[in-house]
């Protein structure tokens, strides 16, 4: 399984929807975090991607996309989940 990896896109790459962070979900899927724009609204997009037979990664419909103004709420949700599962989350890492 591939390592989780933060990406460091340039300003131009961010505008072209390059991932800022990716991590493997399972052998054939990964989660990509992107900063994107739609109709003039900046959005945070966390989406499952699958690997094609040719090694290309394509997005699925599975994911969440929210305005950047809700990024703090998304962080709170993840923090609440982390607190709920506690240290078990670290033990289960990689089982996904």
Protein backbone atom coordinates (compact mmCIF):
# COMPACT_ATOMS: atom_id res chain seq x y z
CA UNK A 1 0.00 0.00 0.00
CA UNK A 2 1.27 3.48 -0.87
CA UNK A 3 2.10 6.02 1.83
CA UNK A 4 -0.09 8.98 2.70
CA UNK A 5 1.46 12.03 1.14
CA UNK A 6 0.90 15.75 1.32
CA UNK A 7 1.15 17.52 -2.00
CA UNK A 8 2.57 21.00 -2.48
CA UNK A 9 0.85 22.48 -5.51
CA UNK A 10 1.82 25.84 -6.90
CA UNK A 11 -0.81 28.56 -7.10
CA UNK A 12 -1.54 27.65 -10.74
CA UNK A 13 -1.90 23.97 -9.90
CA UNK A 14 -4.36 24.79 -7.11
CA UNK A 15 -6.50 26.64 -9.63
CA UNK A 16 -6.40 23.57 -11.87
CA UNK A 17 -7.68 21.29 -9.11
CA UNK A 18 -4.45 19.42 -8.30
CA UNK A 19 -4.65 17.34 -5.10
CA UNK A 20 -3.10 18.88 -1.99
CA UNK A 21 -3.12 15.56 -0.10
CA UNK A 22 -3.76 11.92 -0.98
CA UNK A 23 -3.96 8.68 0.98
CA UNK A 24 -4.74 5.08 0.05
CA UNK A 25 -8.19 3.87 0.99
CA UNK A 26 -7.55 0.30 -0.22
CA UNK A 27 -5.64 -1.49 -2.99
CA UNK A 28 -7.60 0.12 -5.82
CA UNK A 29 -8.86 3.39 -4.34
CA UNK A 30 -7.43 6.51 -2.77
CA UNK A 31 -8.82 9.68 -1.22
CA UNK A 32 -7.75 12.99 -2.73
CA UNK A 33 -8.14 16.37 -1.04
CA UNK A 34 -8.40 19.32 -3.42
CA UNK A 35 -9.08 23.02 -3.37
CA UNK A 36 -11.29 23.81 -6.34
CA UNK A 37 -13.57 26.51 -7.67
CA UNK A 38 -17.07 26.29 -9.14
CA UNK A 39 -19.07 29.29 -10.36
CA UNK A 40 -16.72 31.62 -8.49
CA UNK A 41 -17.00 29.72 -5.18
CA UNK A 42 -13.90 28.19 -3.60
CA UNK A 43 -14.55 24.63 -2.45
CA UNK A 44 -12.82 21.91 -0.45
CA UNK A 45 -13.29 18.53 -2.15
CA UNK A 46 -12.50 15.18 -0.50
CA UNK A 47 -13.21 12.46 -3.05
CA UNK A 48 -12.56 8.77 -3.62
CA UNK A 49 -10.60 8.04 -6.81
CA UNK A 50 -10.12 4.64 -8.46
CA UNK A 51 -7.17 3.43 -10.49
CA UNK A 52 -7.86 2.50 -14.10
CA UNK A 53 -6.19 -0.44 -15.82
CA UNK A 54 -3.79 2.06 -17.38
CA UNK A 55 -2.66 3.43 -14.01
CA UNK A 56 -4.69 6.65 -14.23
CA UNK A 57 -6.67 7.89 -11.21
CA UNK A 58 -10.29 8.89 -11.85
CA UNK A 59 -12.84 10.43 -9.44
CA UNK A 60 -15.94 8.62 -8.25
CA UNK A 61 -19.21 10.11 -7.01
CA UNK A 62 -18.20 9.17 -3.45
CA UNK A 63 -16.97 12.17 -1.51
CA UNK A 64 -17.84 15.50 0.04
CA UNK A 65 -17.47 19.00 -1.34
CA UNK A 66 -18.06 22.07 0.84
CA UNK A 67 -17.32 25.77 0.65
CA UNK A 68 -14.03 26.86 2.19
CA UNK A 69 -16.11 28.76 4.77
CA UNK A 70 -17.10 25.33 6.19
CA UNK A 71 -13.55 24.00 6.49
CA UNK A 72 -13.54 24.74 10.23
CA UNK A 73 -16.75 22.71 10.66
CA UNK A 74 -15.23 19.84 8.71
CA UNK A 75 -12.18 19.96 11.00
CA UNK A 76 -14.47 19.89 14.06
CA UNK A 77 -16.29 16.86 12.67
CA UNK A 78 -13.02 14.99 12.14
CA UNK A 79 -11.83 15.97 15.64
CA UNK A 80 -15.10 14.69 17.14
CA UNK A 81 -14.72 11.40 15.28
CA UNK A 82 -11.09 11.12 16.41
CA UNK A 83 -12.16 11.68 20.01
CA UNK A 84 -14.93 9.10 19.70
CA UNK A 85 -12.68 6.33 18.38
CA UNK A 86 -9.71 7.35 20.52
CA UNK A 87 -6.53 5.38 20.18
CA UNK A 88 -8.36 2.59 18.34
CA UNK A 89 -8.05 4.65 15.16
CA UNK A 90 -4.27 4.32 15.24
CA UNK A 91 -4.54 0.54 15.79
CA UNK A 92 -6.87 0.18 12.80
CA UNK A 93 -4.73 2.29 10.44
CA UNK A 94 -4.13 0.52 7.17
CA UNK A 95 -7.03 -1.90 7.52
CA UNK A 96 -9.31 0.31 5.30
